[in-house]
Amino acid sequence: MTLIIRPMREDDAPNVVAMVHGLARDTGSDVVPKLTPESLIAARDLIDVTIAEDDGGILGACLTLLTYSTWRDAKGLYVVDLFIDGKARNRGIGLKLLREAGRRGRTKGARFIKLEVYHTNEGAARFYERLGFVRNDKDRLFVLEENRVTALLSAE
């Protein structure tokens, strides 16, 4: 079967959404993704999705968006999600997706790539470290969820 790496089409959205939900289940996340095919399509001005497929269908996807680092004075690529269907793992598909997403980001000026790995996903951490990503334990991730954003914005 021939592997094809390409941009997402609108009709791919349900499969990508199912994979995002699967990733949350696989990592044991306590967060249930709210992503829907409609919301993914609506966010295409913000998020770029690269698909891996063969004759059997979609095998994986890499969702990215542009970011900016004042410390680097550079645009960067933020990997939101990278996932491969369980039956297609260990075939180099993740690397191919990441490379193509990186190339697409580079055409938009991205000079670095940043991502997060869920703490239970040691396989992903090892994958990124093998590629040269450096774990940064100096930064801490903080999240303000929607209800708290509303409270923050309405406070005087």
Protein backbone atom coordinates (compact mmCIF):
# COMPACT_ATOMS: atom_id res chain seq x y z
CA MET A 1 0.00 0.00 0.00
CA THR A 2 1.22 3.46 -0.88
CA LEU A 3 1.47 5.97 1.96
CA ILE A 4 0.27 9.47 1.11
CA ILE A 5 0.94 12.52 3.29
CA ARG A 6 -1.37 15.42 2.43
CA PRO A 7 -3.41 18.33 3.81
CA MET A 8 -6.74 17.51 5.42
CA ARG A 9 -9.88 17.73 3.30
CA GLU A 10 -13.23 18.60 4.86
CA ASP A 11 -14.46 15.03 4.46
CA ASP A 12 -11.51 13.85 6.62
CA ALA A 13 -12.76 15.82 9.64
CA PRO A 14 -14.86 13.02 11.22
CA ASN A 15 -11.89 10.62 11.11
CA VAL A 16 -9.52 13.22 12.58
CA VAL A 17 -11.99 13.97 15.37
CA ALA A 18 -12.33 10.24 16.14
CA MET A 19 -8.53 10.00 16.37
CA VAL A 20 -8.34 12.96 18.77
CA HIS A 21 -10.92 11.26 20.99
CA GLY A 22 -8.93 8.01 20.73
CA LEU A 23 -5.73 9.79 21.73
CA ALA A 24 -7.43 11.10 24.87
CA ARG A 25 -8.61 7.58 25.73
CA ASP A 26 -5.21 6.01 24.97
CA THR A 27 -3.35 8.43 27.23
CA GLY A 28 -5.83 8.06 30.08
CA SER A 29 -6.65 11.76 30.00
CA ASP A 30 -9.38 12.92 32.33
CA VAL A 31 -10.41 15.47 29.72
CA VAL A 32 -12.96 14.47 27.09
CA PRO A 33 -12.25 16.36 23.86
CA LYS A 34 -15.04 18.68 22.75
CA LEU A 35 -13.77 18.75 19.16
CA THR A 36 -16.38 18.06 16.48
CA PRO A 37 -15.97 17.78 12.72
CA GLU A 38 -17.73 21.12 12.37
CA SER A 39 -15.52 22.90 14.88
CA LEU A 40 -12.37 21.45 13.30
CA ILE A 41 -13.43 22.69 9.86
CA ALA A 42 -14.36 26.09 11.32
CA ALA A 43 -10.87 26.38 12.87
CA ARG A 44 -9.00 25.79 9.59
CA ASP A 45 -7.93 29.45 9.53
CA LEU A 46 -6.03 28.76 12.76
CA ILE A 47 -5.06 25.10 12.67
CA ASP A 48 -3.29 23.17 9.93
CA VAL A 49 -3.94 19.43 9.65
CA THR A 50 -1.65 17.03 7.81
CA ILE A 51 -3.02 13.56 7.07
CA ALA A 52 -1.34 10.18 6.49
CA GLU A 53 -3.36 7.68 4.50
CA ASP A 54 -3.03 4.55 2.44
CA ASP A 55 -5.51 2.44 0.50
CA GLY A 56 -7.09 1.40 3.78
CA GLY A 57 -7.89 4.96 4.86
CA ILE A 58 -6.52 7.53 7.27
CA LEU A 59 -3.68 6.23 9.45
CA GLY A 60 -2.76 9.38 11.35
CA ALA A 61 -2.75 13.15 11.52
CA CYS A 62 -0.67 16.04 12.78
CA LEU A 63 -2.49 19.18 13.92
CA THR A 64 -0.37 22.32 14.19
CA LEU A 65 -0.68 26.05 14.53
CA LEU A 66 1.71 28.96 14.30
CA THR A 67 3.03 30.51 17.48
CA TYR A 68 5.53 33.23 18.29
CA SER A 69 8.36 33.37 20.80
CA THR A 70 9.48 36.78 22.02
CA TRP A 71 12.57 35.17 23.55
CA ARG A 72 13.55 33.68 20.21
CA ASP A 73 12.12 36.58 18.19
CA ALA A 74 10.79 33.93 15.87
CA LYS A 75 7.65 32.31 14.56
CA GLY A 76 7.30 28.70 15.53
CA LEU A 77 5.13 25.70 14.96
CA TYR A 78 3.12 24.33 17.87
CA VAL A 79 2.12 20.67 17.52
CA VAL A 80 -1.36 20.43 19.01
CA ASP A 81 -1.77 16.69 18.36
CA LEU A 82 0.15 14.01 16.49
CA PHE A 83 -1.36 10.58 16.45
CA ILE A 84 -1.12 7.34 14.53
CA ASP A 85 -3.72 4.60 14.49
CA GLY A 86 -2.58 1.77 16.77
CA LYS A 87 -2.36 -0.77 13.94
CA ALA A 88 -0.15 1.56 11.88
CA ARG A 89 2.45 2.44 14.53
CA ASN A 90 6.17 1.72 14.19
CA ARG A 91 6.13 2.30 10.43
CA GLY A 92 7.71 5.78 10.45
CA ILE A 93 4.38 7.51 9.78
CA GLY A 94 4.67 9.87 12.76
CA LEU A 95 8.03 11.10 11.53
CA LYS A 96 6.70 11.62 8.01
CA LEU A 97 3.71 13.56 9.33
CA LEU A 98 5.89 15.71 11.58
CA ARG A 99 8.32 16.45 8.74
CA GLU A 100 5.55 17.47 6.34
CA ALA A 101 3.84 19.60 9.00
CA GLY A 102 7.24 21.19 9.72
CA ARG A 103 7.79 21.91 6.03
CA ARG A 104 4.34 23.49 5.81
CA GLY A 105 5.13 25.58 8.90
CA ARG A 106 8.51 26.58 7.50
CA THR A 107 6.80 28.08 4.42
CA LYS A 108 4.92 30.32 6.87
CA GLY A 109 8.13 31.36 8.61
CA ALA A 110 8.31 28.85 11.49
CA ARG A 111 11.86 28.43 12.82
CA PHE A 112 11.22 26.16 15.82
CA ILE A 113 8.75 23.46 16.87
CA LYS A 114 7.17 23.25 20.30
CA LEU A 115 4.85 20.63 21.75
CA GLU A 116 3.58 19.05 24.93
CA VAL A 117 3.32 15.36 25.78
CA TYR A 118 0.76 14.06 28.24
CA HIS A 119 2.58 12.77 31.33
CA THR A 120 1.44 9.16 30.81
CA ASN A 121 2.56 9.04 27.18
CA GLU A 122 6.16 7.86 27.62
CA GLY A 123 6.23 6.37 24.11
CA ALA A 124 5.60 9.79 22.61
CA ALA A 125 8.22 11.37 24.88
CA ARG A 126 10.81 8.83 23.71
CA PHE A 127 9.82 9.42 20.06
CA TYR A 128 10.35 13.18 20.32
CA GLU A 129 13.59 12.82 22.27
CA ARG A 130 14.96 10.48 19.55
CA LEU A 131 14.23 13.25 17.03
CA GLY A 132 16.24 15.78 19.06
CA PHE A 133 13.46 17.51 20.98
CA VAL A 134 14.69 18.58 24.40
CA ARG A 135 12.48 18.14 27.42
CA ASN A 136 11.97 21.50 29.13
CA ASP A 137 11.05 20.95 32.75
CA LYS A 138 11.67 24.61 33.56
CA ASP A 139 8.39 25.75 32.06
CA ARG A 140 5.09 24.94 33.72
CA LEU A 141 1.85 24.59 31.84
CA PHE A 142 -1.04 26.63 33.21
CA VAL A 143 -4.55 26.49 31.78
CA LEU A 144 -7.48 28.80 32.44
CA GLU A 145 -10.64 26.97 31.39
CA GLU A 146 -13.60 28.69 29.77
CA ASN A 147 -15.63 29.30 32.93
CA ARG A 148 -12.60 30.87 34.61
CA VAL A 149 -11.85 32.99 31.54
CA THR A 150 -15.35 34.42 31.81
CA ALA A 151 -14.79 35.17 35.49
CA LEU A 152 -11.42 36.80 34.77
CA LEU A 153 -12.81 38.98 32.01
CA SER A 154 -15.83 40.10 33.98
CA ALA A 155 -13.94 40.89 37.20
CA GLU A 156 -13.16 44.49 38.03
